[in-house]
Amino acid sequence: MSSLAVRKSPPLKGEITIPGDKSVTHRAILFGGMAKGPTVIRGYLPSEDCLCTLAAMEAMGVKSKIQGDVLTLRGEGIEGLTEPDRVLNMGNSGTSLRLLTGLLSGLPFFSVLDGDDSLRKRPMARVIEPLTLMGAEIRGRKNNRLAPIAISGKKNLRGVEVRLLVASAQVKSAILLAGLTADGTTRIREPFLSRDHTERMLKTFGARIDTSPEGTSIEKSDLKGIEVDVPGDFSSAAFFIVAAALIPGSSLTIRNVGMNPTRTGLLKALKKMGGKITIENERESEGEPIGDLHIQAADRLKGIEIGEEDIPAMIDELPILFIAAAFAEGETKVTGARELRVKESDRIGVMAREMRKMGIEVEEYPDGLRIKGSDKARGGTFTSDGDHRVAMSMAIAGLVAGGESAIEQTECINTSFPGFETLLKKVSGF
């Protein structure tokens, strides 16, 4: 079991770059393996999660080649994918598990998806139920609610209209992937817009997909290989954005960050709290907006309220937002985030527990937290419960709090941000 020691940091200065976007990398690997012809992915993220997706596509016959930070896939189209001869191990990756469940539902062979103990606790009924309406034959543990998942794929899925009760990019993406092989039109409506990386990228791969304020629809499509430049991962940048906003005297620039508006709710929240953040050199690549972020330390952030409509655009950044709130003046109240209970850990419960160790007053709700900020938070020994975003959030807390801190169970960070500790040391000097 690994651990990370940090202490109160001097100002963060200079420029950094962040590893490639995990969500974009997952999808580029999936769609490249489903496409006809080569797909070249530059700046892909070689994290444990993304490598699980790559291994699954290779197990279905997709050829791959890695040269430096460039991953090249050569697919034979959706119909060229073949039955894997082993159980596909998704590790800790919910994205891999859910998106591949959608894809495999429409392929004419048998497959089994499994993962680690944490992944086996992640809810799958929300994916399996709409796919079953399309004619998919899927069986899972606990009455089709949990992995392992066994899929008897079919070529004759049918398009349906699905209304999601909870906005979820993973569930939406699974249905869209099944819709690529289904007869008729598949339509999806969400209560709030979730991340739209799948829609943007499928369009560039040539899918017959349409998006509007009313929802997203897709029809049976063949994909063609393309070139993808993966931007820096906003969710990874978020830790350094918050650190620079909190540590007095900081002036930090983060280059080449993905600025997809369905992902950047944290920026809106931090600016509302008084954060000093500017976006420079805005541009676009393969339908994804990109920019450089410049962050200056705020005098002191102020507490705010965040409701259900704000959550989809910052769901993965909520743990680090909680840390921003812990050092802010006044109270921050977050509601409508029940989804955090079923991530890699119960992120509401775990973050509440760890912030209390810092001396922060926290009230826990079923769907969120009330956090009373303090300028007297102290360091300590923190535990991640094997959750990469909790581990990195508490590391940032340790840069701001008084004294020294130790974060235990940090090996999980490699699921999304290999090199985090090295970059943290570079900018903080500890």
Protein backbone atom coordinates (compact mmCIF):
# COMPACT_ATOMS: atom_id res chain seq x y z
CA MET A 1 0.00 0.00 0.00
CA SER A 2 1.50 3.33 -1.04
CA SER A 3 1.19 6.71 0.65
CA LEU A 4 1.95 10.34 -0.16
CA ALA A 5 3.43 12.91 2.24
CA VAL A 6 2.71 16.61 1.67
CA ARG A 7 3.04 19.83 3.64
CA LYS A 8 1.91 23.44 3.44
CA SER A 9 3.06 24.74 0.07
CA PRO A 10 4.65 27.97 -1.09
CA PRO A 11 2.90 29.78 -4.00
CA LEU A 12 2.37 27.73 -7.17
CA LYS A 13 4.10 29.42 -10.10
CA GLY A 14 4.85 28.83 -13.77
CA GLU A 15 3.29 26.64 -16.46
CA ILE A 16 2.28 23.00 -16.48
CA THR A 17 0.56 20.56 -18.80
CA ILE A 18 -1.86 17.86 -17.72
CA PRO A 19 -2.04 14.28 -19.09
CA GLY A 20 -4.60 13.48 -21.77
CA ASP A 21 -8.32 13.45 -21.07
CA LYS A 22 -9.50 10.10 -19.70
CA SER A 23 -13.04 10.37 -21.10
CA VAL A 24 -11.80 11.30 -24.57
CA THR A 25 -9.15 8.54 -24.52
CA HIS A 26 -11.71 5.86 -23.57
CA ARG A 27 -13.98 6.88 -26.41
CA ALA A 28 -11.24 7.26 -29.01
CA ILE A 29 -10.09 3.70 -28.24
CA LEU A 30 -13.62 2.29 -28.35
CA PHE A 31 -14.69 4.09 -31.53
CA GLY A 32 -11.31 3.54 -33.22
CA GLY A 33 -11.65 -0.18 -32.60
CA MET A 34 -15.19 -0.13 -34.03
CA ALA A 35 -14.19 1.88 -37.11
CA LYS A 36 -12.90 0.77 -40.49
CA GLY A 37 -9.33 1.82 -41.15
CA PRO A 38 -6.66 3.34 -38.91
CA THR A 39 -7.37 5.68 -36.01
CA VAL A 40 -4.42 7.70 -34.71
CA ILE A 41 -4.75 8.95 -31.11
CA ARG A 42 -2.14 11.53 -30.12
CA GLY A 43 -1.66 12.41 -26.45
CA TYR A 44 -3.73 9.47 -25.21
CA LEU A 45 -3.86 8.80 -21.45
CA PRO A 46 -2.04 5.55 -20.52
CA SER A 47 -3.92 5.21 -17.24
CA GLU A 48 -5.03 1.88 -15.81
CA ASP A 49 -8.67 2.62 -16.69
CA CYS A 50 -7.96 3.43 -20.33
CA LEU A 51 -5.64 0.44 -20.73
CA CYS A 52 -8.53 -1.79 -19.62
CA THR A 53 -10.60 -0.44 -22.51
CA LEU A 54 -7.68 -1.00 -24.90
CA ALA A 55 -7.16 -4.58 -23.69
CA ALA A 56 -10.85 -5.33 -24.23
CA MET A 57 -10.76 -4.07 -27.82
CA GLU A 58 -7.58 -6.05 -28.50
CA ALA A 59 -9.32 -9.15 -27.11
CA MET A 60 -11.97 -8.63 -29.82
CA GLY A 61 -9.38 -8.60 -32.61
CA VAL A 62 -8.40 -4.92 -32.86
CA LYS A 63 -4.72 -4.34 -33.68
CA SER A 64 -2.86 -1.60 -31.81
CA LYS A 65 0.56 0.04 -31.86
CA ILE A 66 2.07 2.47 -29.36
CA GLN A 67 4.88 4.87 -30.24
CA GLY A 68 5.58 7.38 -27.49
CA ASP A 69 2.35 9.23 -26.75
CA VAL A 70 0.70 8.09 -29.99
CA LEU A 71 -1.65 5.11 -30.05
CA THR A 72 -2.70 3.75 -33.44
CA LEU A 73 -5.62 1.34 -33.81
CA ARG A 74 -6.62 -0.58 -36.91
CA GLY A 75 -10.18 -1.80 -36.84
CA GLU A 76 -12.22 -3.77 -39.37
CA GLY A 77 -15.51 -2.10 -38.56
CA ILE A 78 -18.14 -3.07 -36.01
CA GLU A 79 -18.81 -6.36 -37.81
CA GLY A 80 -15.10 -7.16 -37.68
CA LEU A 81 -15.10 -7.45 -33.89
CA THR A 82 -14.86 -11.06 -32.72
CA GLU A 83 -15.82 -13.00 -29.62
CA PRO A 84 -13.23 -12.67 -26.84
CA ASP A 85 -11.80 -15.95 -25.56
CA ARG A 86 -11.64 -14.77 -21.95
CA VAL A 87 -13.45 -12.67 -19.37
CA LEU A 88 -12.85 -8.99 -20.07
CA ASN A 89 -11.36 -7.37 -16.96
CA MET A 90 -12.45 -3.75 -16.52
CA GLY A 91 -10.33 -3.21 -13.41
CA ASN A 92 -11.74 -0.18 -11.59
CA SER A 93 -13.17 1.51 -14.69
CA GLY A 94 -16.89 2.25 -14.62
CA THR A 95 -16.60 3.89 -18.03
CA SER A 96 -15.16 0.72 -19.56
CA LEU A 97 -17.77 -1.50 -17.93
CA ARG A 98 -20.81 0.55 -18.87
CA LEU A 99 -19.83 1.60 -22.39
CA LEU A 100 -18.69 -1.88 -23.36
CA THR A 101 -21.96 -3.32 -22.03
CA GLY A 102 -23.76 -1.13 -24.57
CA LEU A 103 -21.44 -2.04 -27.44
CA LEU A 104 -21.41 -5.79 -26.73
CA SER A 105 -25.21 -5.95 -26.47
CA GLY A 106 -25.44 -5.48 -30.23
CA LEU A 107 -22.66 -7.84 -31.30
CA PRO A 108 -23.54 -11.46 -32.20
CA PHE A 109 -21.43 -13.31 -29.65
CA PHE A 110 -21.10 -14.09 -25.95
CA SER A 111 -18.97 -12.02 -23.58
CA VAL A 112 -18.42 -11.52 -19.86
CA LEU A 113 -17.33 -8.27 -18.18
CA ASP A 114 -15.86 -8.19 -14.68
CA GLY A 115 -13.70 -5.89 -12.54
CA ASP A 116 -12.23 -5.35 -9.10
CA ASP A 117 -14.13 -5.42 -5.82
CA SER A 118 -14.98 -1.72 -6.06
CA LEU A 119 -16.36 -2.01 -9.60
CA ARG A 120 -18.50 -4.97 -8.59
CA LYS A 121 -20.36 -2.61 -6.23
CA ARG A 122 -21.18 -0.03 -8.91
CA PRO A 123 -24.87 0.00 -9.99
CA MET A 124 -25.52 -1.55 -13.40
CA ALA A 125 -29.33 -1.78 -13.47
CA ARG A 126 -29.51 1.76 -14.87
CA VAL A 127 -27.57 0.50 -17.92
CA ILE A 128 -29.04 -2.98 -18.24
CA GLU A 129 -32.71 -1.93 -18.05
CA PRO A 130 -32.78 0.38 -21.12
CA LEU A 131 -30.60 -2.03 -23.09
CA THR A 132 -33.05 -4.82 -22.27
CA LEU A 133 -35.84 -2.67 -23.72
CA MET A 134 -33.82 -2.66 -26.95
CA GLY A 135 -33.84 -6.47 -26.92
CA ALA A 136 -30.47 -7.06 -25.27
CA GLU A 137 -29.90 -10.26 -23.30
CA ILE A 138 -27.81 -9.39 -20.24
CA ARG A 139 -27.41 -11.14 -16.92
CA GLY A 140 -25.68 -9.81 -13.83
CA ARG A 141 -25.22 -10.54 -10.17
CA LYS A 142 -27.91 -9.53 -7.63
CA ASN A 143 -30.81 -9.78 -10.09
CA ASN A 144 -29.00 -7.95 -12.92
CA ARG A 145 -27.83 -5.07 -10.75
CA LEU A 146 -24.10 -5.73 -10.37
CA ALA A 147 -21.07 -7.10 -12.22
CA PRO A 148 -19.91 -9.60 -13.35
CA ILE A 149 -22.06 -9.09 -16.43
CA ALA A 150 -22.76 -11.84 -19.00
CA ILE A 151 -23.96 -10.66 -22.42
CA SER A 152 -25.47 -12.80 -25.18
CA GLY A 153 -25.16 -10.25 -27.95
CA LYS A 154 -27.73 -9.86 -30.74
CA LYS A 155 -27.61 -8.31 -34.19
CA ASN A 156 -31.27 -7.33 -34.17
CA LEU A 157 -31.56 -4.82 -31.36
CA ARG A 158 -34.33 -2.30 -31.90
CA GLY A 159 -34.25 1.44 -31.45
CA VAL A 160 -36.29 2.82 -28.55
CA GLU A 161 -36.87 6.12 -26.77
CA VAL A 162 -35.34 6.30 -23.30
CA ARG A 163 -35.95 8.94 -20.64
CA LEU A 164 -33.18 8.89 -18.05
CA LEU A 165 -34.19 9.80 -14.51
CA VAL A 166 -30.60 10.76 -13.65
CA ALA A 167 -28.30 12.55 -16.09
CA SER A 168 -25.41 10.15 -16.74
CA ALA A 169 -22.90 10.30 -19.57
CA GLN A 170 -21.98 6.65 -19.06
CA VAL A 171 -25.57 5.39 -19.28
CA LYS A 172 -26.29 7.66 -22.24
CA SER A 173 -23.15 6.49 -24.02
CA ALA A 174 -23.97 2.81 -23.47
CA ILE A 175 -27.38 3.29 -25.08
CA LEU A 176 -25.89 5.23 -27.99
CA LEU A 177 -23.35 2.48 -28.66
CA ALA A 178 -26.13 -0.10 -28.70
CA GLY A 179 -28.03 2.22 -31.03
CA LEU A 180 -25.18 2.07 -33.56
CA THR A 181 -26.18 -1.51 -34.37
CA ALA A 182 -29.94 -1.32 -33.68
CA ASP A 183 -32.74 -1.18 -36.24
CA GLY A 184 -34.58 2.14 -36.29
CA THR A 185 -33.84 5.25 -34.28
CA THR A 186 -32.67 5.33 -30.67
CA ARG A 187 -33.57 8.50 -28.74
CA ILE A 188 -32.39 9.57 -25.30
CA ARG A 189 -33.72 12.36 -23.11
CA GLU A 190 -32.03 13.54 -19.90
CA PRO A 191 -33.29 15.74 -17.07
CA PHE A 192 -30.07 17.79 -17.44
CA LEU A 193 -27.37 17.65 -20.09
CA SER A 194 -24.55 15.30 -19.07
CA ARG A 195 -21.08 15.15 -20.63
CA ASP A 196 -21.32 15.02 -24.40
CA HIS A 197 -17.91 13.63 -25.42
CA THR A 198 -19.61 10.59 -26.95
CA GLU A 199 -21.93 12.65 -29.15
CA ARG A 200 -19.15 14.96 -30.34
CA MET A 201 -16.72 12.17 -31.13
CA LEU A 202 -19.23 9.80 -32.76
CA LYS A 203 -20.10 12.61 -35.16
CA THR A 204 -16.44 13.00 -36.18
CA PHE A 205 -16.22 9.22 -36.71
CA GLY A 206 -19.16 9.47 -39.13
CA ALA A 207 -22.07 8.25 -37.01
CA ARG A 208 -25.62 9.28 -37.92
CA ILE A 209 -26.26 11.15 -34.69
CA ASP A 210 -28.30 14.25 -33.94
CA THR A 211 -28.30 16.39 -30.82
CA SER A 212 -30.77 19.06 -29.75
CA PRO A 213 -32.10 20.59 -26.52
CA GLU A 214 -34.79 17.90 -26.60
CA GLY A 215 -32.25 15.04 -26.53
CA THR A 216 -29.99 12.88 -28.65
CA SER A 217 -30.89 10.40 -31.38
CA ILE A 218 -28.76 7.90 -33.29
CA GLU A 219 -29.28 5.44 -36.14
CA LYS A 220 -27.39 2.37 -37.31
CA SER A 221 -24.02 3.62 -38.58
CA ASP A 222 -20.61 2.55 -39.85
CA LEU A 223 -17.63 4.39 -38.40
CA LYS A 224 -14.47 5.42 -40.23
CA GLY A 225 -11.06 5.84 -38.64
CA ILE A 226 -9.86 9.39 -37.93
CA GLU A 227 -7.03 11.24 -36.18
CA VAL A 228 -7.65 12.41 -32.61
CA ASP A 229 -5.64 14.93 -30.60
CA VAL A 230 -6.52 14.34 -26.96
CA PRO A 231 -6.63 17.54 -24.85
CA GLY A 232 -5.46 17.73 -21.26
CA ASP A 233 -7.99 16.30 -18.81
CA PHE A 234 -10.04 19.02 -17.10
CA SER A 235 -10.81 16.68 -14.20
CA SER A 236 -7.07 16.28 -13.59
CA ALA A 237 -6.42 19.99 -14.04
CA ALA A 238 -9.11 20.67 -11.41
CA PHE A 239 -6.80 19.69 -8.55
CA PHE A 240 -4.18 22.25 -9.58
CA ILE A 241 -6.83 24.88 -10.36
CA VAL A 242 -8.13 24.67 -6.80
CA ALA A 243 -4.62 24.53 -5.31
CA ALA A 244 -3.59 27.72 -7.13
CA ALA A 245 -6.86 29.44 -6.15
CA LEU A 246 -6.29 28.64 -2.47
CA ILE A 247 -2.53 29.04 -1.91
CA PRO A 248 -1.66 32.74 -1.39
CA GLY A 249 0.59 34.32 -4.02
CA SER A 250 0.01 31.61 -6.63
CA SER A 251 0.00 32.39 -10.36
CA LEU A 252 -0.26 29.21 -12.42
CA THR A 253 -0.94 28.53 -16.12
CA ILE A 254 -2.21 25.15 -17.29
CA ARG A 255 -1.81 24.63 -21.05
CA ASN A 256 -3.98 22.71 -23.52
CA VAL A 257 -6.91 21.83 -21.26
CA GLY A 258 -10.17 20.39 -22.58
CA MET A 259 -12.87 23.02 -22.07
CA ASN A 260 -15.99 21.06 -22.99
CA PRO A 261 -18.85 23.06 -21.42
CA THR A 262 -20.48 19.88 -20.09
CA ARG A 263 -17.32 19.33 -18.01
CA THR A 264 -16.34 22.76 -16.70
CA GLY A 265 -18.95 23.44 -14.04
CA LEU A 266 -16.15 23.72 -11.49
CA LEU A 267 -14.90 26.90 -13.17
CA LYS A 268 -18.34 28.48 -12.89
CA ALA A 269 -18.52 27.52 -9.22
CA LEU A 270 -15.03 28.80 -8.40
CA LYS A 271 -15.66 32.12 -10.16
CA LYS A 272 -18.87 32.47 -8.15
CA MET A 273 -16.77 31.86 -5.04
CA GLY A 274 -14.42 34.68 -6.07
CA GLY A 275 -11.79 32.67 -7.91
CA LYS A 276 -9.53 34.51 -10.36
CA ILE A 277 -9.44 32.30 -13.47
CA THR A 278 -9.06 33.34 -17.10
CA ILE A 279 -9.21 31.27 -20.29
CA GLU A 280 -6.73 32.08 -23.05
CA ASN A 281 -5.92 30.78 -26.54
CA GLU A 282 -9.32 29.15 -27.04
CA ARG A 283 -9.54 26.76 -30.00
CA GLU A 284 -11.19 23.51 -31.10
CA SER A 285 -10.00 20.04 -32.13
CA GLU A 286 -12.25 17.19 -33.37
CA GLY A 287 -15.26 19.02 -31.98
CA GLU A 288 -13.75 19.51 -28.51
CA PRO A 289 -13.00 23.04 -27.24
CA ILE A 290 -9.53 23.55 -25.77
CA GLY A 291 -7.89 26.44 -23.94
CA ASP A 292 -5.13 27.55 -21.58
CA LEU A 293 -6.13 28.35 -18.00
CA HIS A 294 -4.48 31.00 -15.88
CA ILE A 295 -5.24 30.91 -12.15
CA GLN A 296 -4.30 33.51 -9.56
CA ALA A 297 -4.79 33.06 -5.86
CA ALA A 298 -8.01 34.62 -4.58
CA ASP A 299 -8.00 36.88 -1.53
CA ARG A 300 -10.25 34.23 -0.01
CA LEU A 301 -12.98 32.19 -1.63
CA LYS A 302 -16.58 32.62 -0.44
CA GLY A 303 -19.09 29.89 0.28
CA ILE A 304 -21.89 29.28 -2.26
CA GLU A 305 -24.87 27.00 -2.89
CA ILE A 306 -24.82 24.33 -5.61
CA GLY A 307 -27.99 22.54 -6.67
CA GLU A 308 -29.05 19.53 -8.71
CA GLU A 309 -28.96 21.38 -12.03
CA ASP A 310 -25.26 22.20 -11.49
CA ILE A 311 -24.11 18.68 -10.69
CA PRO A 312 -23.76 16.97 -14.11
CA ALA A 313 -21.13 19.46 -15.30
CA MET A 314 -18.97 18.96 -12.19
CA ILE A 315 -19.79 15.46 -10.89
CA ASP A 316 -16.16 14.25 -10.89
CA GLU A 317 -14.84 17.57 -9.57
CA LEU A 318 -17.06 17.67 -6.47
CA PRO A 319 -14.45 16.11 -4.14
CA ILE A 320 -11.93 18.86 -4.94
CA LEU A 321 -14.70 21.49 -4.80
CA PHE A 322 -15.38 20.28 -1.26
CA ILE A 323 -11.75 21.10 -0.45
CA ALA A 324 -12.16 24.60 -1.92
CA ALA A 325 -15.22 25.00 0.32
CA ALA A 326 -13.30 23.76 3.37
CA PHE A 327 -10.97 26.77 3.16
CA ALA A 328 -13.56 29.30 1.98
CA GLU A 329 -15.21 31.97 4.09
CA GLY A 330 -18.72 31.03 5.17
CA GLU A 331 -20.76 27.98 4.25
CA THR A 332 -21.02 25.99 1.04
CA LYS A 333 -24.06 23.77 0.52
CA VAL A 334 -24.14 21.08 -2.20
CA THR A 335 -27.35 19.14 -2.90
CA GLY A 336 -28.60 16.92 -5.70
CA ALA A 337 -25.38 14.89 -5.80
CA ARG A 338 -26.69 11.49 -4.67
CA GLU A 339 -24.70 9.94 -7.55
CA LEU A 340 -21.54 10.49 -5.48
CA ARG A 341 -22.70 7.73 -3.13
CA VAL A 342 -22.06 5.09 -5.82
CA LYS A 343 -18.73 6.15 -7.31
CA GLU A 344 -15.41 4.39 -6.61
CA SER A 345 -16.29 5.10 -2.99
CA ASP A 346 -19.15 6.83 -1.22
CA ARG A 347 -17.58 10.21 -1.99
CA ILE A 348 -20.04 12.11 0.20
CA GLY A 349 -19.37 10.00 3.26
CA VAL A 350 -15.63 9.59 2.71
CA MET A 351 -14.96 13.28 2.01
CA ALA A 352 -17.05 14.29 5.04
CA ARG A 353 -15.04 11.94 7.24
CA GLU A 354 -11.67 13.13 5.95
CA MET A 355 -12.52 16.85 6.15
CA ARG A 356 -13.59 16.43 9.78
CA LYS A 357 -10.05 15.17 10.46
CA MET A 358 -8.89 18.63 9.31
CA GLY A 359 -11.14 20.29 11.87
CA ILE A 360 -13.76 21.30 9.31
CA GLU A 361 -17.43 21.40 10.32
CA VAL A 362 -19.36 19.21 7.88
CA GLU A 363 -23.04 18.23 7.82
CA GLU A 364 -23.89 15.25 5.67
CA TYR A 365 -27.08 14.96 3.59
CA PRO A 366 -28.27 11.94 1.59
CA ASP A 367 -27.42 13.88 -1.58
CA GLY A 368 -24.69 16.29 -0.54
CA LEU A 369 -22.85 18.23 2.14
CA ARG A 370 -22.90 21.47 4.07
CA ILE A 371 -19.34 22.64 4.68
CA LYS A 372 -18.37 25.49 6.99
CA GLY A 373 -15.03 26.83 5.80
CA SER A 374 -12.11 27.62 8.08
CA ASP A 375 -8.72 29.29 7.79
CA LYS A 376 -7.42 27.12 10.62
CA ALA A 377 -7.68 23.70 8.97
CA ARG A 378 -4.92 21.34 10.03
CA GLY A 379 -3.03 18.58 8.31
CA GLY A 380 -3.25 14.96 9.36
CA THR A 381 -3.32 11.38 8.16
CA PHE A 382 -6.00 10.85 5.53
CA THR A 383 -7.35 7.71 3.87
CA SER A 384 -8.63 7.51 0.29
CA ASP A 385 -10.69 4.29 0.61
CA GLY A 386 -9.08 3.36 -2.72
CA ASP A 387 -10.70 6.29 -4.55
CA HIS A 388 -8.34 8.21 -6.83
CA ARG A 389 -10.25 11.50 -6.66
CA VAL A 390 -10.44 11.39 -2.87
CA ALA A 391 -6.69 10.70 -2.68
CA MET A 392 -5.80 13.65 -4.94
CA SER A 393 -8.27 15.97 -3.23
CA MET A 394 -6.78 15.27 0.19
CA ALA A 395 -3.28 15.79 -1.23
CA ILE A 396 -4.32 19.28 -2.32
CA ALA A 397 -5.86 19.87 1.10
CA GLY A 398 -2.48 19.00 2.59
CA LEU A 399 -0.82 21.73 0.50
CA VAL A 400 -3.12 24.35 2.05
CA ALA A 401 -3.59 23.13 5.62
CA GLY A 402 -1.20 23.82 8.46
CA GLY A 403 1.51 21.27 9.29
CA GLU A 404 2.25 18.04 7.46
CA SER A 405 -0.13 15.48 6.01
CA ALA A 406 0.00 11.89 4.84
CA ILE A 407 -2.48 10.40 2.38
CA GLU A 408 -2.78 6.62 2.54
CA GLN A 409 -3.88 4.23 -0.22
CA THR A 410 -2.62 6.39 -3.09
CA GLU A 411 -1.85 3.62 -5.60
CA CYS A 412 -5.38 4.18 -6.93
CA ILE A 413 -4.29 7.53 -8.42
CA ASN A 414 -2.84 5.64 -11.40
CA THR A 415 -6.35 4.75 -12.54
CA SER A 416 -6.73 8.31 -13.88
CA PHE A 417 -3.61 10.43 -13.32
CA PRO A 418 -0.26 8.66 -13.63
CA GLY A 419 2.46 11.18 -12.76
CA PHE A 420 0.29 13.16 -10.31
CA GLU A 421 2.80 12.97 -7.48
CA THR A 422 5.69 14.06 -9.73
CA LEU A 423 3.73 17.06 -11.00
CA LEU A 424 2.60 17.93 -7.48
CA LYS A 425 6.20 18.00 -6.32
CA LYS A 426 7.20 20.11 -9.31
CA VAL A 427 4.70 22.89 -8.67
CA SER A 428 4.81 22.86 -4.86
CA GLY A 429 8.46 22.21 -4.21
CA PHE A 430 7.83 19.84 -1.28
